[in-house]
Structures are given as structure tokens and as C-alpha cells.
Amino acid sequence: MNDVARAAGVSLKTVSRVVNGETTVAPDLAARVHAAVDSLNYRPHIGASMLRRNDRRTRTIGVLLEDVGNPFSAALHRAIEDESRPRGVQVLTASVDEDPQRERDLAAAFTERHADGLIIAPSGPDQSYLRSFPDIPVVLVDRPGTGFAADTVLATNVSGSRDAVRHLVSHGHRRIAYLGDHDRVATARERHRGYLAALGAAGLVPHAARRLRHPSYAESATLALFDRGAPPTALFTSQNLITIGAVRALRRLGLQRRVALVGFDDFLLADLLDPAVTVVAQDPARMGRTAARALFDRIYGAEGAAREMPPREFWIPTRLIPRGSGEIPA
């Protein structure tokens, strides 16, 4: 840091302020510091920096998502980054892959690296392990936790699924099959519950294929539905990867214009297929922004008061987007 100060012709204190993301430094001085940092390939030592600061913060947060390669998780991650960057906070992200042990291990690893807070999409059935980290704020996103109270950001999964099934019923469908994720996933259980509630209200009999984790499984399950008597006239698919598998199967069978389909979760190019896919869309960007803001409330709350607030729930509404596949009549 002394070398940077000499190269930039500024004080050590000015370098420290710029490196730590403070915005009180004059733009021309900050530009000189950044130029010196780049020319010297300077990298700050996070541990030493944390010890020097009175707040003992590292200006990093850990984010644990199901799969950062999934478009939903990617949109969540980007929104969290967009909220973090103006605060000078770096985001460390990892995929949990629906593995409870991996979730626990990653949470411990980020905590050991002194992350200032965690945002977690829970995968395991029990988050009580988070009690072992009492000094780190946690926000849960997309799914509720069990055994640990924290701010939680959720989509309206049950009502969104009811809307999807009611939409199909309104177009005359009486045999509506459900293709869903694994039972251990909280959102899958909620979406199945909404499906059952809508069918029950309409006096219809459910038919479900569950524990489908990948498009190939969903494709096989969809093909099996039509290899028997009295096949469904409509499908409700509970997440984007399952929808993709169902679309592939319907196209293989030549039924994409005869069997209605509504999927939960939007996905890239869904509106460009023929027919375009009707979806119940979540708002992962809003969920990510809400989760990040809730976490920063806890981290930067005045004199620790925010950390003492009771856990909060933030509900992000879903919306039905009719595009064609869900409007095919029975």
C-alpha cells in the first residue's frame, strides 16, 4: 500500500479510503490511486484490512443458490450483485446442487472466511446448523428454512399454481397432469399443493409425476403419460427445466398443438417457441434485490438494532403470462 501511495503521489490514508470503497475521495485522486493499483498489480490483504477497520467487516457476502447455471438462480445472483456493488461489497457465490451437506459445508466455509452475511436458498430439511454462526446475519431466499428463524424472501407458489390450473380448467380441461420436482424441495411441495387445491375446487382427479430433477426425466415421464389410456389433455409443469422436458416430449409426439401446457417459471426463448409457452412467471430479480436489501439492513443497521428485529417475510407475487400453449382448448 505504501508503494501505491508513492506511485499515486497521495497519502497512505487516501489509498486506504479508495481501496476500501469509500466515496469521500476526490475523483482525480481516486483515479490516480486506481491507476497506481493497476500498474503495480496491488491486491489488498482482506484479513489485514478487516483488522484495521473499526467495524471488522470484509465487505463480502456469501450466496448459496441451487445451481448458478439455472436461469432463475442466475437472475437472483445478478440482482444481488447489482445491490452489492454500489455498497462496495463483493459477492461470493456457490451452487448447492440440492445437497444438504454441501449447503452446510459452504455456509461454514464462507463464515470461516469472515463473510459479513449469507443469502441462502435452502436445500436441506434442517437449517438449525446456522445457529452455530450467531454473529453472521442470514437471509433465506426462494425457500423457507426449518429450525432457524431468519428474514425470508418467497414467491407466491401456492396461489401461482392455483392460477395455472384454473386457467387450464377455464379452457375446458378436466384431465390435467402435474409434473413436479423432488418432494424434499419446499417450492415443489407448495406448487403441488396449489395444483391439488385448484383441482379439488373444480371436482377433478389429480394425476402427478414427481421427483423429476432434469429435463430428460421430465421428457420420459411425459412420454409415459401418453402411452396409456385416457391421457391428459393438459400439463402443469412445476419448474423451468421440467417444462423444457415436457415441451420436447410433446413435440416428439406431435402433440404440441393439441395438449395444453402451463409451466411454472419463465425461461429463455419460451416466447419464441411454436406455440409459445404460457408460464407462471416469478420475479427472481426482485427476489434478489429484496434479499440483498434485507441482508444489508441486518449488517449495517444502526448500532445493531436491525439485528434484533424479529424475522421478516417478504412475498414476491407471481403472474400468469398467456402465450398460446396454455390456451389450447380441451
Protein backbone atom coordinates (compact mmCIF):
# COMPACT_ATOMS: atom_id res chain seq x y z
CA MET A 1 0.00 0.00 0.00
CA ASN A 2 2.95 2.30 0.64
CA ASP A 3 4.15 1.67 -2.92
CA VAL A 4 0.71 2.61 -4.25
CA ALA A 5 0.73 5.84 -2.23
CA ARG A 6 4.17 6.82 -3.57
CA ALA A 7 3.23 5.98 -7.18
CA ALA A 8 0.00 7.95 -6.96
CA GLY A 9 1.51 10.85 -5.05
CA VAL A 10 -1.10 10.67 -2.30
CA SER A 11 -1.19 9.81 1.38
CA LEU A 12 -1.48 6.28 2.73
CA LYS A 13 -4.82 7.23 4.23
CA THR A 14 -6.15 8.25 0.80
CA VAL A 15 -5.10 4.90 -0.66
CA SER A 16 -6.83 3.10 2.21
CA ARG A 17 -10.06 5.00 1.61
CA VAL A 18 -10.05 4.25 -2.12
CA VAL A 19 -9.18 0.58 -1.70
CA ASN A 20 -11.92 0.17 0.91
CA GLY A 21 -14.54 1.65 -1.38
CA GLU A 22 -15.15 4.93 0.42
CA THR A 23 -16.73 7.62 -1.75
CA THR A 24 -15.32 10.69 0.05
CA VAL A 25 -12.11 10.83 -2.03
CA ALA A 26 -11.91 13.43 -4.81
CA PRO A 27 -12.40 11.80 -8.24
CA ASP A 28 -8.99 12.86 -9.58
CA LEU A 29 -7.18 11.44 -6.54
CA ALA A 30 -9.21 8.22 -6.73
CA ALA A 31 -8.32 7.88 -10.41
CA ARG A 32 -4.60 8.24 -9.59
CA VAL A 33 -4.87 5.58 -6.89
CA HIS A 34 -6.69 3.17 -9.21
CA ALA A 35 -4.07 3.72 -11.91
CA ALA A 36 -1.28 3.00 -9.42
CA VAL A 37 -3.08 -0.10 -8.15
CA ASP A 38 -3.37 -1.41 -11.72
CA SER A 39 0.23 -0.64 -12.65
CA LEU A 40 1.61 -2.27 -9.51
CA ASN A 41 -0.88 -5.16 -9.61
CA TYR A 42 -1.67 -4.43 -5.97
CA ARG A 43 -4.09 -6.74 -4.17
CA PRO A 44 -5.32 -5.82 -0.67
CA HIS A 45 -5.00 -8.35 2.13
CA ILE A 46 -8.57 -8.87 3.28
CA GLY A 47 -7.67 -10.16 6.73
CA ALA A 48 -5.33 -7.28 7.48
CA SER A 49 -7.85 -4.79 6.12
CA MET A 50 -10.56 -6.21 8.36
CA LEU A 51 -8.34 -5.89 11.42
CA ARG A 52 -7.59 -2.25 10.62
CA ARG A 53 -11.24 -1.27 10.20
CA ASN A 54 -13.25 -0.48 13.28
CA ASP A 55 -16.27 -2.43 12.03
CA ARG A 56 -14.18 -5.59 11.40
CA ARG A 57 -16.04 -6.20 8.14
CA THR A 58 -14.61 -7.78 4.98
CA ARG A 59 -17.17 -6.22 2.59
CA THR A 60 -18.02 -9.64 1.22
CA ILE A 61 -21.21 -11.70 1.40
CA GLY A 62 -21.75 -15.37 0.61
CA VAL A 63 -24.61 -16.50 -1.62
CA LEU A 64 -25.64 -20.18 -1.79
CA LEU A 65 -28.02 -20.99 -4.64
CA GLU A 66 -29.38 -24.23 -6.05
CA ASP A 67 -27.45 -24.01 -9.34
CA VAL A 68 -25.92 -20.79 -10.66
CA GLY A 69 -26.23 -22.27 -14.17
CA ASN A 70 -30.04 -22.27 -13.90
CA PRO A 71 -31.56 -19.07 -15.34
CA PHE A 72 -33.62 -18.49 -12.19
CA SER A 73 -30.56 -18.72 -9.93
CA ALA A 74 -28.53 -16.63 -12.37
CA ALA A 75 -31.11 -13.84 -12.27
CA LEU A 76 -31.17 -13.96 -8.46
CA HIS A 77 -27.39 -13.75 -8.36
CA ARG A 78 -27.22 -10.80 -10.76
CA ALA A 79 -29.76 -8.81 -8.75
CA ILE A 80 -27.82 -9.44 -5.53
CA GLU A 81 -24.64 -8.28 -7.25
CA ASP A 82 -26.36 -5.14 -8.52
CA GLU A 83 -27.42 -4.26 -4.97
CA SER A 84 -23.99 -5.06 -3.54
CA ARG A 85 -21.71 -3.23 -5.96
CA PRO A 86 -22.75 0.35 -5.04
CA ARG A 87 -22.04 -0.53 -1.40
CA GLY A 88 -18.52 -1.70 -2.23
CA VAL A 89 -19.45 -5.27 -1.32
CA GLN A 90 -18.17 -8.31 -3.23
CA VAL A 91 -20.40 -11.35 -3.75
CA LEU A 92 -19.03 -14.89 -3.34
CA THR A 93 -21.42 -17.41 -4.87
CA ALA A 94 -21.64 -21.22 -4.95
CA SER A 95 -24.07 -23.89 -6.17
CA VAL A 96 -25.55 -26.18 -3.53
CA ASP A 97 -26.87 -28.77 -6.05
CA GLU A 98 -29.68 -29.83 -3.71
CA ASP A 99 -27.10 -31.37 -1.39
CA PRO A 100 -27.78 -30.63 2.32
CA GLN A 101 -24.22 -31.49 3.35
CA ARG A 102 -22.81 -29.23 0.67
CA GLU A 103 -25.08 -26.44 1.91
CA ARG A 104 -23.71 -26.81 5.45
CA ASP A 105 -20.10 -27.07 4.28
CA LEU A 106 -20.33 -23.98 2.07
CA ALA A 107 -22.04 -21.93 4.78
CA ALA A 108 -19.24 -22.88 7.17
CA ALA A 109 -16.57 -22.08 4.56
CA PHE A 110 -17.94 -18.60 3.87
CA THR A 111 -18.28 -17.96 7.59
CA GLU A 112 -14.67 -19.02 8.17
CA ARG A 113 -13.66 -16.52 5.52
CA HIS A 114 -15.42 -13.80 7.54
CA ALA A 115 -18.22 -13.04 5.09
CA ASP A 116 -20.34 -10.24 6.53
CA GLY A 117 -23.58 -12.09 5.79
CA LEU A 118 -25.14 -15.02 3.95
CA ILE A 119 -28.01 -15.36 1.47
CA ILE A 120 -29.10 -19.00 1.19
CA ALA A 121 -31.62 -20.87 -0.95
CA PRO A 122 -32.08 -23.82 1.46
CA SER A 123 -31.72 -27.32 0.06
CA GLY A 124 -31.68 -29.45 3.20
CA PRO A 125 -34.57 -30.24 5.53
CA ASP A 126 -32.92 -28.55 8.53
CA GLN A 127 -31.15 -25.19 8.80
CA SER A 128 -30.58 -25.36 12.56
CA TYR A 129 -26.85 -25.66 11.83
CA LEU A 130 -26.91 -21.89 11.19
CA ARG A 131 -27.28 -21.37 14.93
CA SER A 132 -23.59 -22.24 15.13
CA PHE A 133 -22.86 -18.90 13.42
CA PRO A 134 -24.63 -16.44 15.74
CA ASP A 135 -22.61 -13.42 14.65
CA ILE A 136 -23.41 -13.56 10.93
CA PRO A 137 -26.73 -12.27 9.51
CA VAL A 138 -28.58 -14.70 7.23
CA VAL A 139 -31.39 -14.19 4.72
CA LEU A 140 -33.19 -17.15 3.15
CA VAL A 141 -34.42 -16.81 -0.41
CA ASP A 142 -36.83 -18.78 -2.64
CA ARG A 143 -37.47 -21.40 0.05
CA PRO A 144 -38.29 -21.25 3.76
CA GLY A 145 -35.88 -22.70 6.28
CA THR A 146 -36.52 -25.18 9.06
CA GLY A 147 -35.12 -24.94 12.57
CA PHE A 148 -33.72 -21.45 12.06
CA ALA A 149 -35.55 -18.12 12.10
CA ALA A 150 -34.36 -15.57 9.55
CA ASP A 151 -35.62 -12.99 7.08
CA THR A 152 -37.12 -14.95 4.18
CA VAL A 153 -37.95 -13.93 0.61
CA LEU A 154 -40.56 -16.15 -1.06
CA ALA A 155 -42.66 -16.27 -4.21
CA THR A 156 -46.39 -16.92 -4.05
CA ASN A 157 -46.00 -20.52 -5.16
CA VAL A 158 -49.35 -21.87 -3.98
CA SER A 159 -51.51 -19.12 -5.46
CA GLY A 160 -49.43 -19.08 -8.65
CA SER A 161 -50.04 -22.80 -9.15
CA ARG A 162 -53.75 -22.37 -8.46
CA ASP A 163 -53.86 -19.67 -11.13
CA ALA A 164 -52.19 -22.00 -13.63
CA VAL A 165 -54.62 -24.87 -13.06
CA ARG A 166 -57.68 -22.60 -13.01
CA HIS A 167 -56.53 -21.20 -16.34
CA LEU A 168 -56.46 -24.70 -17.83
CA VAL A 169 -59.84 -25.54 -16.32
CA SER A 170 -61.31 -22.38 -17.84
CA HIS A 171 -60.30 -23.71 -21.27
CA GLY A 172 -62.28 -26.89 -20.72
CA HIS A 173 -59.59 -29.23 -19.42
CA ARG A 174 -60.57 -31.96 -16.98
CA ARG A 175 -57.57 -34.30 -17.21
CA ILE A 176 -54.67 -32.12 -16.04
CA ALA A 177 -51.42 -33.86 -15.18
CA TYR A 178 -48.76 -32.43 -12.88
CA LEU A 179 -45.04 -32.88 -13.48
CA GLY A 180 -43.05 -31.86 -10.42
CA ASP A 181 -39.69 -31.62 -8.73
CA HIS A 182 -38.49 -33.74 -5.82
CA ASP A 183 -40.73 -33.85 -2.75
CA ARG A 184 -37.96 -32.62 -0.47
CA VAL A 185 -37.89 -29.24 -2.28
CA ALA A 186 -40.17 -26.81 -0.44
CA THR A 187 -41.23 -24.94 -3.58
CA ALA A 188 -42.16 -28.22 -5.27
CA ARG A 189 -44.38 -29.15 -2.34
CA GLU A 190 -46.07 -25.74 -2.39
CA ARG A 191 -46.71 -25.85 -6.14
CA HIS A 192 -48.15 -29.35 -5.87
CA ARG A 193 -50.37 -28.12 -3.05
CA GLY A 194 -51.68 -25.32 -5.26
CA TYR A 195 -52.34 -27.83 -8.06
CA LEU A 196 -54.30 -30.10 -5.71
CA ALA A 197 -56.30 -27.18 -4.29
CA ALA A 198 -57.37 -25.99 -7.76
CA LEU A 199 -58.30 -29.50 -8.90
CA GLY A 200 -60.24 -30.10 -5.69
CA ALA A 201 -62.20 -26.88 -6.15
CA ALA A 202 -63.10 -28.00 -9.68
CA GLY A 203 -64.02 -31.53 -8.58
CA LEU A 204 -61.25 -33.09 -10.67
CA VAL A 205 -58.97 -36.07 -10.02
CA PRO A 206 -55.21 -35.38 -9.77
CA HIS A 207 -52.53 -37.21 -11.68
CA ALA A 208 -48.95 -36.42 -10.79
CA ALA A 209 -45.45 -37.48 -11.75
CA ARG A 210 -42.92 -36.18 -9.23
CA ARG A 211 -39.22 -36.33 -8.30
CA LEU A 212 -38.24 -35.11 -11.77
CA ARG A 213 -34.90 -33.32 -11.42
CA HIS A 214 -33.78 -32.92 -15.04
CA PRO A 215 -35.34 -32.25 -18.46
CA SER A 216 -34.61 -35.81 -19.57
CA TYR A 217 -36.61 -37.22 -16.63
CA ALA A 218 -39.50 -34.88 -17.41
CA GLU A 219 -39.38 -35.86 -21.07
CA SER A 220 -39.57 -39.57 -20.21
CA ALA A 221 -42.39 -39.00 -17.71
CA THR A 222 -44.37 -37.01 -20.27
CA LEU A 223 -43.97 -39.69 -22.93
CA ALA A 224 -45.21 -42.28 -20.42
CA LEU A 225 -48.37 -40.25 -19.78
CA PHE A 226 -49.40 -40.67 -23.40
CA ASP A 227 -48.56 -44.34 -23.58
CA ARG A 228 -51.74 -45.34 -21.75
CA GLY A 229 -55.50 -44.96 -21.92
CA ALA A 230 -57.25 -41.65 -21.18
CA PRO A 231 -54.10 -39.46 -21.43
CA PRO A 232 -54.20 -35.89 -20.09
CA THR A 233 -55.41 -33.03 -22.25
CA ALA A 234 -53.25 -30.54 -20.34
CA LEU A 235 -50.00 -30.42 -18.38
CA PHE A 236 -48.90 -28.24 -15.50
CA THR A 237 -45.12 -28.34 -15.08
CA SER A 238 -43.67 -27.07 -11.81
CA GLN A 239 -40.31 -25.55 -12.85
CA ASN A 240 -38.46 -24.40 -15.95
CA LEU A 241 -36.28 -27.47 -16.55
CA ILE A 242 -39.30 -29.77 -16.25
CA THR A 243 -41.21 -27.56 -18.69
CA ILE A 244 -38.39 -27.89 -21.21
CA GLY A 245 -38.54 -31.69 -20.95
CA ALA A 246 -42.32 -31.68 -21.40
CA VAL A 247 -42.06 -29.44 -24.46
CA ARG A 248 -39.56 -31.82 -26.03
CA ALA A 249 -41.85 -34.80 -25.40
CA LEU A 250 -44.94 -33.09 -26.84
CA ARG A 251 -43.00 -32.15 -29.97
CA ARG A 252 -41.72 -35.71 -30.36
CA LEU A 253 -45.31 -36.93 -30.19
CA GLY A 254 -46.63 -34.17 -32.46
CA LEU A 255 -49.00 -33.05 -29.69
CA GLN A 256 -47.72 -29.54 -29.04
CA ARG A 257 -50.85 -28.01 -30.64
CA ARG A 258 -53.31 -30.47 -29.12
CA VAL A 259 -52.20 -30.71 -25.48
CA ALA A 260 -52.24 -27.55 -23.38
CA LEU A 261 -49.25 -26.66 -21.22
CA VAL A 262 -48.61 -24.14 -18.45
CA GLY A 263 -45.20 -24.04 -16.81
CA PHE A 264 -44.12 -22.52 -13.51
CA ASP A 265 -41.05 -20.30 -14.09
CA ASP A 266 -40.29 -18.45 -17.27
CA PHE A 267 -37.27 -19.46 -19.32
CA LEU A 268 -35.19 -18.12 -22.19
CA LEU A 269 -36.92 -18.26 -25.62
CA ALA A 270 -40.20 -19.59 -24.16
CA ASP A 271 -41.98 -16.83 -26.05
CA LEU A 272 -40.34 -17.81 -29.36
CA LEU A 273 -41.42 -21.46 -29.42
CA ASP A 274 -44.38 -22.55 -31.55
CA PRO A 275 -46.69 -22.44 -29.74
CA ALA A 276 -45.15 -20.03 -27.25
CA VAL A 277 -45.21 -21.37 -23.70
CA THR A 278 -47.69 -19.98 -21.20
CA VAL A 279 -45.99 -19.58 -17.82
CA VAL A 280 -46.48 -18.53 -14.24
CA ALA A 281 -43.57 -16.12 -14.01
CA GLN A 282 -41.65 -15.40 -10.86
CA ASP A 283 -39.61 -12.24 -10.45
CA PRO A 284 -36.14 -13.51 -9.48
CA ALA A 285 -34.61 -10.06 -9.95
CA ARG A 286 -36.99 -8.56 -7.41
CA MET A 287 -36.40 -11.51 -5.09
CA GLY A 288 -32.64 -11.00 -5.31
CA ARG A 289 -32.89 -7.26 -4.70
CA THR A 290 -35.21 -7.81 -1.74
CA ALA A 291 -32.92 -10.45 -0.21
CA ALA A 292 -29.83 -8.26 -0.60
CA ARG A 293 -31.53 -5.20 0.90
CA ALA A 294 -32.80 -7.26 3.84
CA LEU A 295 -29.28 -8.58 4.46
CA PHE A 296 -27.71 -5.14 4.29
CA ASP A 297 -30.36 -3.91 6.74
CA ARG A 298 -29.11 -6.54 9.16
CA ILE A 299 -25.43 -5.88 8.52
CA TYR A 300 -25.48 -2.08 8.58
CA GLY A 301 -28.41 -1.44 10.92
CA ALA A 302 -27.79 1.42 13.34
CA GLU A 303 -25.98 0.24 16.48
CA GLY A 304 -27.05 -3.36 15.94
CA ALA A 305 -30.73 -2.53 16.26
CA ALA A 306 -31.52 -4.15 12.90
CA ARG A 307 -30.07 -7.46 14.05
CA GLU A 308 -32.56 -7.51 16.91
CA MET A 309 -35.61 -7.09 14.68
CA PRO A 310 -37.93 -10.11 14.50
CA PRO A 311 -37.54 -12.21 11.34
CA ARG A 312 -39.48 -10.84 8.40
CA GLU A 313 -41.21 -12.48 5.42
CA PHE A 314 -41.22 -10.82 2.01
CA TRP A 315 -43.71 -12.22 -0.51
CA ILE A 316 -42.97 -11.58 -4.18
CA PRO A 317 -46.08 -12.11 -6.36
CA THR A 318 -46.12 -14.34 -9.41
CA ARG A 319 -48.09 -13.59 -12.60
CA LEU A 320 -49.65 -15.70 -15.30
CA ILE A 321 -48.40 -14.88 -18.81
CA PRO A 322 -50.68 -16.37 -21.53
CA ARG A 323 -48.74 -17.04 -24.73
CA GLY A 324 -50.55 -19.81 -26.56
CA SER A 325 -49.68 -23.22 -25.13
CA GLY A 326 -51.93 -22.76 -22.12
CA GLU A 327 -54.88 -21.57 -24.20
CA ILE A 328 -55.29 -24.71 -26.35
CA PRO A 329 -58.86 -25.91 -25.72
CA ALA A 330 -59.66 -29.40 -24.49
